């Protein structure tokens, strides 16, 4: 698949190819990019952005909640001439642990405000009964999508381990689509871009010709769009709409630079968004063809037959879980479009809708 994005962060791109940490860089006067290490091997780091203000700094995203992430963030701030104590706002694109994990600790140490979209805040489990409800929904979904029993048990174990890193802290500021963020010297606005998560946000600064795209639009990677207990069945439809939305915003800003959560800075946000839309349409057609060839196939079986970057048999279980989530998202969208039907049994057996 040809990638439409133009590389602007050349040192970041080379570091990505070399599988090393890229340098801390001053992107513009008053704006820094800090790579913060995370314990996820394919990604290796998240890009935290530091916005200078008269009273200190605001950051966009925070990093994983562990000492290594905290250390690399602290060292990156020092390179920019600041300390952790200078942070007064943490603006969060979404609550995945590599972006949200350190937010609570930073608030406790500095008094910084945490800001995120209201729909994202609703996914944070704060009450004990919500955890029980989530577990029940997960078990129903396992049956619904035909996950073998042994894999269901593995999923419970691994998801349970992963959820230890999910911060349940409520934010201080709830954002809505189009909200201006009260940061001195910055004309920053939020763009609600659901899909990767229900309340994912991008942030745009027209005067500086930049857009912080989080995990919504990445220059090379196709973001994971899954359906699960915290992401509704229409996630892919929302994501495609959000790509169109972001492309339109980028078109209003001459030479708009994309500042993503991973990989490297890039130009061509609209072109990359269009390319991602095309990719998912091709994926939908591939899934439709699988069901046409094997009527009654389960979602778990579909996930094994879809084309991936490498063979399914080499996937570790977290990768299989992500692949299943994407298969669900695409099958659900085809059902919403009236192309497929899951049938009426507890386990979905996908078939083409008769015309």
Protein backbone atom coordinates (compact mmCIF):
# COMPACT_ATOMS: atom_id res chain seq x y z
CA UNK A 1 0.00 0.00 0.00
CA UNK A 2 1.45 3.35 -1.05
CA UNK A 3 1.72 5.82 1.81
CA UNK A 4 0.56 9.32 0.91
CA UNK A 5 2.19 11.07 3.88
CA UNK A 6 5.33 13.11 3.23
CA UNK A 7 8.06 12.65 5.86
CA UNK A 8 8.95 15.85 7.73
CA UNK A 9 10.58 14.33 10.81
CA UNK A 10 13.56 12.79 9.03
CA UNK A 11 15.54 12.05 12.21
CA UNK A 12 12.43 10.44 13.66
CA UNK A 13 11.94 8.35 10.52
CA UNK A 14 15.55 7.14 10.56
CA UNK A 15 15.30 6.28 14.25
CA UNK A 16 12.12 4.33 13.50
CA UNK A 17 13.94 2.34 10.82
CA UNK A 18 16.94 1.79 13.11
CA UNK A 19 14.63 0.74 15.98
CA UNK A 20 16.14 3.27 18.36
CA UNK A 21 14.73 6.21 20.28
CA UNK A 22 14.61 9.41 18.18
CA UNK A 23 16.02 12.66 19.57
CA UNK A 24 14.18 15.31 21.52
CA UNK A 25 13.51 18.04 18.96
CA UNK A 26 12.31 21.62 18.88
CA UNK A 27 9.65 21.49 16.19
CA UNK A 28 8.90 25.21 16.25
CA UNK A 29 9.72 28.04 18.66
CA UNK A 30 7.82 27.12 21.82
CA UNK A 31 7.04 23.53 20.70
CA UNK A 32 9.02 20.40 21.47
CA UNK A 33 8.68 16.72 20.62
CA UNK A 34 9.78 14.19 23.27
CA UNK A 35 9.88 10.45 22.55
CA UNK A 36 8.80 8.65 25.72
CA UNK A 37 9.67 4.97 25.99
CA UNK A 38 6.80 2.50 26.40
CA UNK A 39 6.88 -1.29 26.96
CA UNK A 40 5.18 -2.14 23.66
CA UNK A 41 7.77 -3.62 21.30
CA UNK A 42 6.28 -2.75 17.91
CA UNK A 43 5.77 0.91 18.88
CA UNK A 44 8.64 1.41 21.39
CA UNK A 45 7.75 5.01 22.20
CA UNK A 46 4.97 7.57 22.21
CA UNK A 47 5.57 11.14 21.08
CA UNK A 48 4.74 13.65 23.82
CA UNK A 49 4.49 17.27 22.72
CA UNK A 50 5.53 20.15 24.96
CA UNK A 51 3.82 23.50 24.46
CA UNK A 52 5.58 26.45 26.10
CA UNK A 53 3.41 29.06 27.83
CA UNK A 54 4.20 32.08 30.04
CA UNK A 55 3.44 30.00 33.15
CA UNK A 56 5.33 26.83 32.22
CA UNK A 57 4.34 24.09 29.79
CA UNK A 58 1.34 22.07 28.70
CA UNK A 59 1.88 18.60 27.27
CA UNK A 60 -0.14 16.60 24.79
CA UNK A 61 -0.27 12.99 26.04
CA UNK A 62 1.91 11.67 28.84
CA UNK A 63 3.37 8.20 28.35
CA UNK A 64 3.13 4.84 30.12
CA UNK A 65 2.77 4.70 33.89
CA UNK A 66 6.17 3.27 34.75
CA UNK A 67 9.55 4.58 35.84
CA UNK A 68 11.17 4.27 32.41
CA UNK A 69 8.52 6.45 30.78
CA UNK A 70 8.70 8.94 33.63
CA UNK A 71 12.48 9.09 33.34
CA UNK A 72 12.53 9.68 29.58
CA UNK A 73 9.80 12.33 29.89
CA UNK A 74 11.74 14.08 32.65
CA UNK A 75 14.98 13.95 30.67
CA UNK A 76 13.23 15.24 27.56
CA UNK A 77 11.75 18.16 29.47
CA UNK A 78 15.23 18.97 30.80
CA UNK A 79 16.57 19.08 27.23
CA UNK A 80 13.86 21.63 26.44
CA UNK A 81 14.82 23.63 29.54
CA UNK A 82 11.97 22.55 31.80
CA UNK A 83 11.19 20.17 34.65
CA UNK A 84 8.19 18.01 35.47
CA UNK A 85 7.17 20.64 38.02
CA UNK A 86 6.61 23.13 35.14
CA UNK A 87 3.68 21.13 33.70
CA UNK A 88 0.34 22.85 34.28
CA UNK A 89 -1.89 21.03 31.78
CA UNK A 90 -2.00 17.50 30.37
CA UNK A 91 -4.10 17.36 27.20
CA UNK A 92 -4.99 13.77 26.36
CA UNK A 93 -5.82 12.52 22.87
CA UNK A 94 -7.23 9.24 24.30
CA UNK A 95 -6.93 7.03 27.36
CA UNK A 96 -4.85 4.12 26.09
CA UNK A 97 -2.06 3.49 28.63
CA UNK A 98 0.75 4.74 26.38
CA UNK A 99 -0.97 8.13 26.11
CA UNK A 100 -2.81 8.51 29.42
CA UNK A 101 -0.80 6.39 31.82
CA UNK A 102 1.37 9.04 33.50
CA UNK A 103 -1.36 11.70 33.64
CA UNK A 104 -2.45 10.89 37.20
CA UNK A 105 1.10 10.89 38.57
CA UNK A 106 1.86 14.20 36.86
CA UNK A 107 -1.29 15.73 38.35
CA UNK A 108 -0.37 14.49 41.81
CA UNK A 109 3.15 15.91 41.55
CA UNK A 110 2.40 19.23 39.87
CA UNK A 111 -1.30 20.02 40.28
CA UNK A 112 -1.66 19.93 36.49
CA UNK A 113 -5.15 19.70 35.00
CA UNK A 114 -6.04 16.63 32.94
CA UNK A 115 -8.25 17.37 29.94
CA UNK A 116 -9.95 14.89 27.60
CA UNK A 117 -13.16 14.46 25.63
CA UNK A 118 -16.32 13.71 27.58
CA UNK A 119 -16.97 10.49 25.62
CA UNK A 120 -13.49 9.29 26.52
CA UNK A 121 -14.06 10.04 30.19
CA UNK A 122 -17.11 7.76 30.17
CA UNK A 123 -14.91 4.80 29.26
CA UNK A 124 -12.91 5.14 32.47
CA UNK A 125 -14.11 2.57 35.00
CA UNK A 126 -14.31 4.26 38.36
CA UNK A 127 -16.96 2.20 40.19
CA UNK A 128 -16.40 -1.48 41.15
CA UNK A 129 -19.68 -2.61 39.60
CA UNK A 130 -18.51 -1.34 36.21
CA UNK A 131 -15.63 -3.82 36.30
CA UNK A 132 -18.09 -6.68 36.88
CA UNK A 133 -20.29 -5.43 34.03
CA UNK A 134 -17.26 -5.20 31.74
CA UNK A 135 -16.29 -8.82 32.54
CA UNK A 136 -19.81 -10.06 31.79
CA UNK A 137 -19.90 -8.19 28.48
CA UNK A 138 -16.52 -9.67 27.55
CA UNK A 139 -17.77 -13.21 28.16
CA UNK A 140 -20.88 -12.62 26.03
CA UNK A 141 -18.73 -11.16 23.24
CA UNK A 142 -16.41 -14.19 23.34
CA UNK A 143 -19.37 -16.50 22.66
CA UNK A 144 -20.84 -14.11 20.10
CA UNK A 145 -17.73 -14.14 17.95
CA UNK A 146 -16.80 -17.81 18.21
CA UNK A 147 -13.60 -17.60 20.24
CA UNK A 148 -12.50 -21.14 21.20
CA UNK A 149 -12.68 -21.90 24.90
CA UNK A 150 -8.93 -22.17 25.41
CA UNK A 151 -8.46 -18.79 23.74
CA UNK A 152 -11.22 -17.30 25.88
CA UNK A 153 -9.27 -18.28 28.99
CA UNK A 154 -6.09 -16.81 27.56
CA UNK A 155 -7.96 -13.61 26.73
CA UNK A 156 -9.23 -13.28 30.30
CA UNK A 157 -5.71 -13.65 31.68
CA UNK A 158 -4.02 -11.25 29.30
CA UNK A 159 -6.72 -8.61 29.34
CA UNK A 160 -6.70 -8.77 33.14
CA UNK A 161 -2.95 -8.15 33.14
CA UNK A 162 -3.26 -5.31 30.63
CA UNK A 163 -6.00 -3.58 32.59
CA UNK A 164 -3.62 -3.09 35.50
CA UNK A 165 -2.09 -0.33 33.40
CA UNK A 166 -5.41 1.39 32.64
CA UNK A 167 -5.74 4.50 34.80
CA UNK A 168 -9.27 5.09 36.12
CA UNK A 169 -8.69 8.70 37.18
CA UNK A 170 -11.38 11.20 36.25
CA UNK A 171 -10.24 14.27 34.28
CA UNK A 172 -10.39 17.86 35.53
CA UNK A 173 -11.57 19.33 32.21
CA UNK A 174 -14.10 17.72 29.88
CA UNK A 175 -13.74 18.74 26.25
CA UNK A 176 -16.27 18.76 23.44
CA UNK A 177 -15.84 18.99 19.69
CA UNK A 178 -14.54 22.41 18.65
CA UNK A 179 -13.68 23.58 22.18
CA UNK A 180 -10.90 26.12 22.49
CA UNK A 181 -8.28 25.26 25.08
CA UNK A 182 -7.41 28.08 27.44
CA UNK A 183 -3.63 28.10 26.95
CA UNK A 184 -1.78 31.44 26.85
CA UNK A 185 -0.01 32.08 23.52
CA UNK A 186 -1.83 29.18 21.87
CA UNK A 187 -4.96 29.17 19.71
CA UNK A 188 -5.58 25.47 20.22
CA UNK A 189 -8.88 23.79 19.40
CA UNK A 190 -10.07 20.22 19.90
CA UNK A 191 -11.47 18.05 17.10
CA UNK A 192 -13.51 15.04 18.20
CA UNK A 193 -12.37 12.07 16.14
CA UNK A 194 -14.04 8.87 17.44
CA UNK A 195 -13.09 5.47 16.06
CA UNK A 196 -9.80 4.34 17.57
CA UNK A 197 -11.55 5.13 20.87
CA UNK A 198 -14.98 6.73 21.50
CA UNK A 199 -13.56 10.09 22.59
CA UNK A 200 -10.30 10.37 20.67
CA UNK A 201 -9.34 13.98 20.04
CA UNK A 202 -7.00 15.73 17.66
CA UNK A 203 -5.83 19.27 18.42
CA UNK A 204 -5.30 21.95 15.78
CA UNK A 205 -3.45 25.27 15.90
CA UNK A 206 -4.18 27.09 12.61
CA UNK A 207 -1.74 29.99 13.13
CA UNK A 208 1.13 27.58 13.63
CA UNK A 209 -0.14 25.31 10.81
CA UNK A 210 -0.06 22.19 12.94
CA UNK A 211 -2.41 19.40 13.91
CA UNK A 212 -1.72 16.92 16.71
CA UNK A 213 -3.26 13.76 15.26
CA UNK A 214 -2.75 11.31 18.15
CA UNK A 215 -3.47 7.77 16.94
CA UNK A 216 -6.21 8.91 14.56
CA UNK A 217 -3.96 9.54 11.57
CA UNK A 218 -0.46 8.04 11.63
CA UNK A 219 1.95 8.52 8.72
CA UNK A 220 2.52 4.81 7.98
CA UNK A 221 0.72 2.59 10.50
CA UNK A 222 -2.97 1.86 10.08
CA UNK A 223 -4.51 2.56 13.51
CA UNK A 224 -6.35 -0.34 15.11
CA UNK A 225 -10.12 0.09 14.91
CA UNK A 226 -11.75 -2.56 17.09
CA UNK A 227 -15.12 -3.29 18.63
CA UNK A 228 -14.98 -4.30 22.29
CA UNK A 229 -16.54 -3.44 25.64
CA UNK A 230 -15.37 0.19 25.45
CA UNK A 231 -15.74 0.73 21.71
CA UNK A 232 -19.23 0.46 20.17
CA UNK A 233 -20.31 -1.54 17.09
CA UNK A 234 -20.31 1.58 14.90
CA UNK A 235 -16.64 2.39 15.66
CA UNK A 236 -15.46 1.89 12.09
CA UNK A 237 -18.27 4.02 10.66
CA UNK A 238 -17.35 6.76 13.12
CA UNK A 239 -13.68 6.42 12.25
CA UNK A 240 -14.30 6.81 8.51
CA UNK A 241 -16.45 9.89 9.15
CA UNK A 242 -13.74 11.30 11.43
CA UNK A 243 -11.09 10.81 8.74
CA UNK A 244 -13.18 12.86 6.32
CA UNK A 245 -13.68 15.49 9.01
CA UNK A 246 -9.98 15.83 9.78
CA UNK A 247 -9.13 15.98 6.09
CA UNK A 248 -11.50 18.90 5.64
CA UNK A 249 -9.98 20.76 8.59
CA UNK A 250 -6.46 20.17 7.26
CA UNK A 251 -7.52 21.53 3.87
CA UNK A 252 -8.28 24.90 5.48
CA UNK A 253 -4.69 25.24 6.74
CA UNK A 254 -1.94 25.80 4.20
CA UNK A 255 1.01 23.40 4.61
CA UNK A 256 -0.52 21.84 7.72
CA UNK A 257 1.94 19.59 9.56
CA UNK A 258 0.77 16.39 11.23
CA UNK A 259 2.19 15.68 14.69
CA UNK A 260 1.22 12.07 15.46
CA UNK A 261 1.41 10.00 18.62
CA UNK A 262 3.85 7.54 17.01
CA UNK A 263 6.40 7.32 14.21
CA UNK A 264 7.29 10.76 12.78
CA UNK A 265 6.07 14.20 11.71
CA UNK A 266 4.47 14.33 8.29
CA UNK A 267 2.68 16.46 5.71
CA UNK A 268 -0.38 15.49 3.69
CA UNK A 269 -2.99 14.86 6.37
CA UNK A 270 -5.85 14.93 3.87
CA UNK A 271 -4.09 12.54 1.47
CA UNK A 272 -3.23 10.14 4.30
CA UNK A 273 -6.79 10.27 5.65
CA UNK A 274 -8.15 9.46 2.18
CA UNK A 275 -5.68 6.59 1.90
CA UNK A 276 -6.86 5.15 5.21
CA UNK A 277 -10.48 5.36 4.04
CA UNK A 278 -9.52 3.50 0.85
CA UNK A 279 -7.70 0.85 2.90
CA UNK A 280 -10.78 0.14 5.01
CA UNK A 281 -13.06 -0.02 1.97
CA UNK A 282 -10.72 -2.61 0.48
CA UNK A 283 -10.78 -4.47 3.79
CA UNK A 284 -14.56 -4.47 3.79
CA UNK A 285 -14.60 -5.98 0.32
CA UNK A 286 -12.09 -8.64 1.37
CA UNK A 287 -14.27 -9.60 4.32
CA UNK A 288 -17.39 -9.69 2.16
CA UNK A 289 -15.61 -12.06 -0.22
CA UNK A 290 -14.61 -14.35 2.66
CA UNK A 291 -18.24 -14.63 3.77
CA UNK A 292 -19.41 -15.20 0.20
CA UNK A 293 -16.88 -18.04 -0.10
CA UNK A 294 -17.71 -19.58 3.28
CA UNK A 295 -21.29 -18.75 4.39
CA UNK A 296 -21.80 -19.21 8.12
CA UNK A 297 -18.22 -18.34 9.03
CA UNK A 298 -17.63 -16.98 12.57
CA UNK A 299 -15.85 -13.71 13.27
CA UNK A 300 -12.92 -15.59 14.83
CA UNK A 301 -12.58 -17.61 11.62
CA UNK A 302 -12.79 -14.45 9.53
CA UNK A 303 -9.96 -12.89 11.52
CA UNK A 304 -7.75 -15.86 10.59
CA UNK A 305 -8.53 -15.56 6.87
CA UNK A 306 -8.05 -11.81 6.49
CA UNK A 307 -4.71 -10.67 5.07
CA UNK A 308 -2.30 -9.29 7.66
CA UNK A 309 1.27 -8.02 7.58
CA UNK A 310 2.39 -11.56 8.43
CA UNK A 311 0.81 -14.99 8.77
CA UNK A 312 -1.85 -15.45 11.47
CA UNK A 313 -0.03 -18.52 12.82
CA UNK A 314 2.85 -16.28 13.96
CA UNK A 315 0.56 -13.94 15.95
CA UNK A 316 0.88 -13.83 19.71
CA UNK A 317 -2.42 -13.70 21.52
CA UNK A 318 -2.56 -9.87 21.96
CA UNK A 319 -2.16 -9.57 18.19
CA UNK A 320 -4.91 -12.14 17.62
CA UNK A 321 -7.17 -10.18 19.95
CA UNK A 322 -6.52 -6.98 17.97
CA UNK A 323 -7.12 -8.82 14.70
CA UNK A 324 -10.42 -10.13 16.02
CA UNK A 325 -11.45 -6.63 17.11
CA UNK A 326 -10.81 -5.33 13.60
CA UNK A 327 -12.71 -8.22 12.04
CA UNK A 328 -15.68 -7.45 14.29
CA UNK A 329 -15.57 -3.75 13.36
CA UNK A 330 -15.58 -4.48 9.64
CA UNK A 331 -18.27 -7.16 9.86
CA UNK A 332 -20.45 -4.83 11.93
CA UNK A 333 -20.12 -2.05 9.37
CA UNK A 334 -21.11 -4.41 6.56
CA UNK A 335 -24.13 -5.42 8.64
CA UNK A 336 -25.00 -1.74 9.13
CA UNK A 337 -24.78 -1.27 5.37
CA UNK A 338 -27.14 -4.22 4.82
CA UNK A 339 -24.52 -6.45 3.21
CA UNK A 340 -24.08 -9.10 5.93
CA UNK A 341 -26.21 -10.65 8.65
CA UNK A 342 -24.93 -12.50 11.75
CA UNK A 343 -28.04 -14.65 12.12
CA UNK A 344 -30.00 -15.05 15.35
CA UNK A 345 -27.90 -17.58 17.30
CA UNK A 346 -25.76 -16.59 20.31
CA UNK A 347 -22.71 -17.09 18.08
CA UNK A 348 -22.65 -14.95 14.93
CA UNK A 349 -22.48 -16.98 11.72
CA UNK A 350 -22.04 -14.39 8.99
CA UNK A 351 -23.87 -14.65 5.67
CA UNK A 352 -24.59 -12.33 2.81
CA UNK A 353 -27.97 -10.64 2.92
CA UNK A 354 -30.16 -12.01 0.18
CA UNK A 355 -31.20 -9.39 -2.33
